[in-house]
C-alpha cells in the first residue's frame, strides 16, 4: 500500500495549531514574539519542502524546528545586545556607549588571544558571527562534539581569571 503525499495546504493546516502552541510555550517570558518564531519555522518548512519534500514525521520535525529556531533567535538577541553594549536593552546607541562597547569587544578579543592551548581557537569559533553549531565547531577544530562543552567551561574559567587579574591591576 503506498501513501499519497499530503498536499502542502493540508500539511500547513494540520500543523498550524501545534506550531502556535509550541511557539507560545518556547517564547514564554523570553521577550520574543511567538509570531516571529512561527514565521521562521514556516520558512524552514517551505525550504525543506522545496529541497526534499515533507518530513516523514511532521509533528516531530515541527517540534525540533521550533526549538532550533528559538535557540537561533535567542543567540541572535544575545549577540545583538553584546554588540550594542546595551545590556539593559534600552535601545540607546549614543556615540559614547558605542565607543565603550567597541573597547570592551577589543579587550575581550585581546584577552581571548592570550588564553592557553586551544582556547583561543575555540572561543573565536564560539564568538563567531556565523553562529556555528557544536558539530561545525568540532569539525573545524578537529575535536569531538562532546568535548566542546567541557573545553569551553575550562576556557571560560581561564578567561575569567585573566580578566579578573587585569581589572584588579587597573
Protein backbone atom coordinates (compact mmCIF):
# COMPACT_ATOMS: atom_id res chain seq x y z
CA UNK A 1 0.00 0.00 0.00
CA UNK A 2 1.52 3.35 -0.99
CA UNK A 3 0.84 6.56 0.82
CA UNK A 4 -0.04 9.60 -1.19
CA UNK A 5 1.95 12.66 -0.16
CA UNK A 6 -0.08 15.11 1.88
CA UNK A 7 -0.77 18.31 -0.07
CA UNK A 8 1.13 21.30 1.29
CA UNK A 9 -2.08 23.12 2.19
CA UNK A 10 -3.28 20.19 4.31
CA UNK A 11 0.13 19.89 5.96
CA UNK A 12 0.12 23.58 6.89
CA UNK A 13 -3.47 23.45 8.17
CA UNK A 14 -2.75 20.36 10.27
CA UNK A 15 0.48 21.79 11.77
CA UNK A 16 -0.80 25.32 12.49
CA UNK A 17 -2.31 24.60 15.98
CA UNK A 18 0.77 22.65 17.05
CA UNK A 19 3.11 25.39 15.83
CA UNK A 20 1.07 28.08 17.59
CA UNK A 21 1.20 26.15 20.87
CA UNK A 22 4.90 25.24 20.60
CA UNK A 23 5.93 28.79 19.67
CA UNK A 24 3.91 30.26 22.55
CA UNK A 25 5.48 27.82 25.01
CA UNK A 26 9.01 28.33 23.70
CA UNK A 27 8.83 32.15 23.80
CA UNK A 28 7.05 32.48 27.15
CA UNK A 29 8.91 35.08 29.19
CA UNK A 30 11.73 35.41 26.67
CA UNK A 31 10.72 38.72 25.15
CA UNK A 32 10.50 37.05 21.74
CA UNK A 33 7.27 37.32 19.83
CA UNK A 34 5.67 33.93 19.12
CA UNK A 35 4.69 35.19 15.67
CA UNK A 36 8.36 35.79 14.79
CA UNK A 37 9.20 32.24 15.80
CA UNK A 38 6.24 30.85 13.86
CA UNK A 39 7.32 32.76 10.76
CA UNK A 40 10.86 31.38 11.00
CA UNK A 41 9.56 27.81 11.31
CA UNK A 42 7.16 28.21 8.37
CA UNK A 43 10.09 29.45 6.30
CA UNK A 44 12.18 26.41 7.30
CA UNK A 45 9.28 24.12 6.37
CA UNK A 46 8.95 25.74 2.94
CA UNK A 47 12.70 25.42 2.38
CA UNK A 48 12.54 21.76 3.38
CA UNK A 49 9.54 21.07 1.15
CA UNK A 50 11.36 22.67 -1.76
CA UNK A 51 14.59 20.76 -1.10
CA UNK A 52 13.44 17.26 -0.17
CA UNK A 53 9.70 17.12 0.35
CA UNK A 54 7.64 16.78 3.50
CA UNK A 55 9.26 15.37 6.63
CA UNK A 56 8.37 11.75 7.47
CA UNK A 57 7.16 12.80 10.95
CA UNK A 58 5.75 16.34 10.51
CA UNK A 59 4.82 16.93 14.21
CA UNK A 60 8.22 15.71 15.42
CA UNK A 61 10.01 17.75 12.78
CA UNK A 62 7.98 20.82 13.74
CA UNK A 63 8.83 20.50 17.46
CA UNK A 64 12.53 20.18 16.68
CA UNK A 65 12.37 23.11 14.24
CA UNK A 66 10.67 25.30 16.87
CA UNK A 67 13.40 24.54 19.43
CA UNK A 68 16.16 25.11 16.87
CA UNK A 69 14.72 28.41 15.66
CA UNK A 70 14.06 29.59 19.24
CA UNK A 71 17.72 28.93 20.14
CA UNK A 72 18.83 30.77 17.00
CA UNK A 73 16.64 33.78 17.85
CA UNK A 74 17.91 33.85 21.47
CA UNK A 75 21.55 33.64 20.34
CA UNK A 76 20.99 36.44 17.83
CA UNK A 77 19.35 38.61 20.51
CA UNK A 78 22.24 37.98 22.93
CA UNK A 79 24.77 38.77 20.22
CA UNK A 80 22.97 41.96 19.24
CA UNK A 81 22.80 43.04 22.89
CA UNK A 82 26.50 42.31 23.31
CA UNK A 83 27.39 44.18 20.13
CA UNK A 84 25.41 47.26 21.03
CA UNK A 85 26.83 47.35 24.54
CA UNK A 86 23.28 47.86 25.76
CA UNK A 87 22.81 45.13 28.39
CA UNK A 88 19.59 46.66 29.68
CA UNK A 89 18.14 46.57 26.17
CA UNK A 90 17.14 50.21 26.37
CA UNK A 91 17.96 50.83 22.74
CA UNK A 92 20.29 53.77 23.42
CA UNK A 93 23.02 53.93 20.81
CA UNK A 94 24.85 57.10 21.73
CA UNK A 95 28.40 57.57 20.41
CA UNK A 96 29.96 57.21 23.85
CA UNK A 97 28.10 53.95 24.52
CA UNK A 98 29.08 52.58 21.13
CA UNK A 99 32.73 53.53 21.68
CA UNK A 100 32.73 51.87 25.11
CA UNK A 101 31.12 48.73 23.66
CA UNK A 102 33.75 48.60 20.91
CA UNK A 103 36.52 48.97 23.52
CA UNK A 104 35.01 46.12 25.58
CA UNK A 105 34.87 43.89 22.48
CA UNK A 106 38.51 44.68 21.64
CA UNK A 107 39.57 43.95 25.24
CA UNK A 108 37.69 40.66 25.19
CA UNK A 109 39.20 39.61 21.84
CA UNK A 110 42.70 40.56 23.09
CA UNK A 111 42.18 38.51 26.26
CA UNK A 112 40.87 35.55 24.23
CA UNK A 113 44.02 35.59 22.08
CA UNK A 114 46.17 35.31 25.25
CA UNK A 115 44.42 32.19 26.53
CA UNK A 116 46.41 28.93 26.72
CA UNK A 117 46.23 25.93 24.41
CA UNK A 118 43.28 25.57 22.06
CA UNK A 119 41.18 28.09 23.96
CA UNK A 120 41.74 30.99 21.53
CA UNK A 121 40.54 28.89 18.58
CA UNK A 122 37.54 27.53 20.47
CA UNK A 123 36.47 30.89 21.88
CA UNK A 124 36.84 32.59 18.48
CA UNK A 125 34.63 29.88 16.97
CA UNK A 126 32.04 30.34 19.72
CA UNK A 127 32.11 34.14 19.30
CA UNK A 128 31.90 33.91 15.52
CA UNK A 129 29.16 35.99 13.88
CA UNK A 130 28.41 32.91 11.72
CA UNK A 131 26.99 31.29 14.89
CA UNK A 132 28.27 27.79 14.05
CA UNK A 133 26.81 24.69 15.72
CA UNK A 134 28.88 22.50 18.03
CA UNK A 135 29.07 19.96 15.19
CA UNK A 136 30.57 22.59 12.85
CA UNK A 137 33.00 23.80 15.52
CA UNK A 138 34.09 20.22 16.26
CA UNK A 139 34.73 19.65 12.56
CA UNK A 140 36.70 22.87 12.16
CA UNK A 141 38.86 22.30 15.25
CA UNK A 142 39.22 18.52 14.89
CA UNK A 143 37.81 17.72 18.33
CA UNK A 144 34.83 15.66 19.44
CA UNK A 145 31.49 17.39 19.67
CA UNK A 146 31.09 16.10 23.25
CA UNK A 147 34.41 17.67 24.25
CA UNK A 148 33.40 21.20 23.33
CA UNK A 149 31.27 21.88 26.43
CA UNK A 150 33.92 20.87 29.00
CA UNK A 151 36.64 22.62 26.99
CA UNK A 152 34.50 25.76 26.76
CA UNK A 153 33.98 25.70 30.55
CA UNK A 154 37.72 25.38 31.14
CA UNK A 155 38.46 28.20 28.68
CA UNK A 156 35.84 30.46 30.25
CA UNK A 157 37.40 29.81 33.68
CA UNK A 158 40.81 30.82 32.31
CA UNK A 159 39.30 33.89 30.68
CA UNK A 160 37.52 34.87 33.89
CA UNK A 161 40.77 34.59 35.91
CA UNK A 162 42.70 36.54 33.27
CA UNK A 163 40.15 39.37 33.14
CA UNK A 164 39.81 39.46 36.94
CA UNK A 165 43.57 39.95 37.28
CA UNK A 166 43.57 42.70 34.63
CA UNK A 167 40.66 44.56 36.22
CA UNK A 168 42.30 44.30 39.66
CA UNK A 169 45.61 45.59 38.24
CA UNK A 170 43.91 48.73 36.91
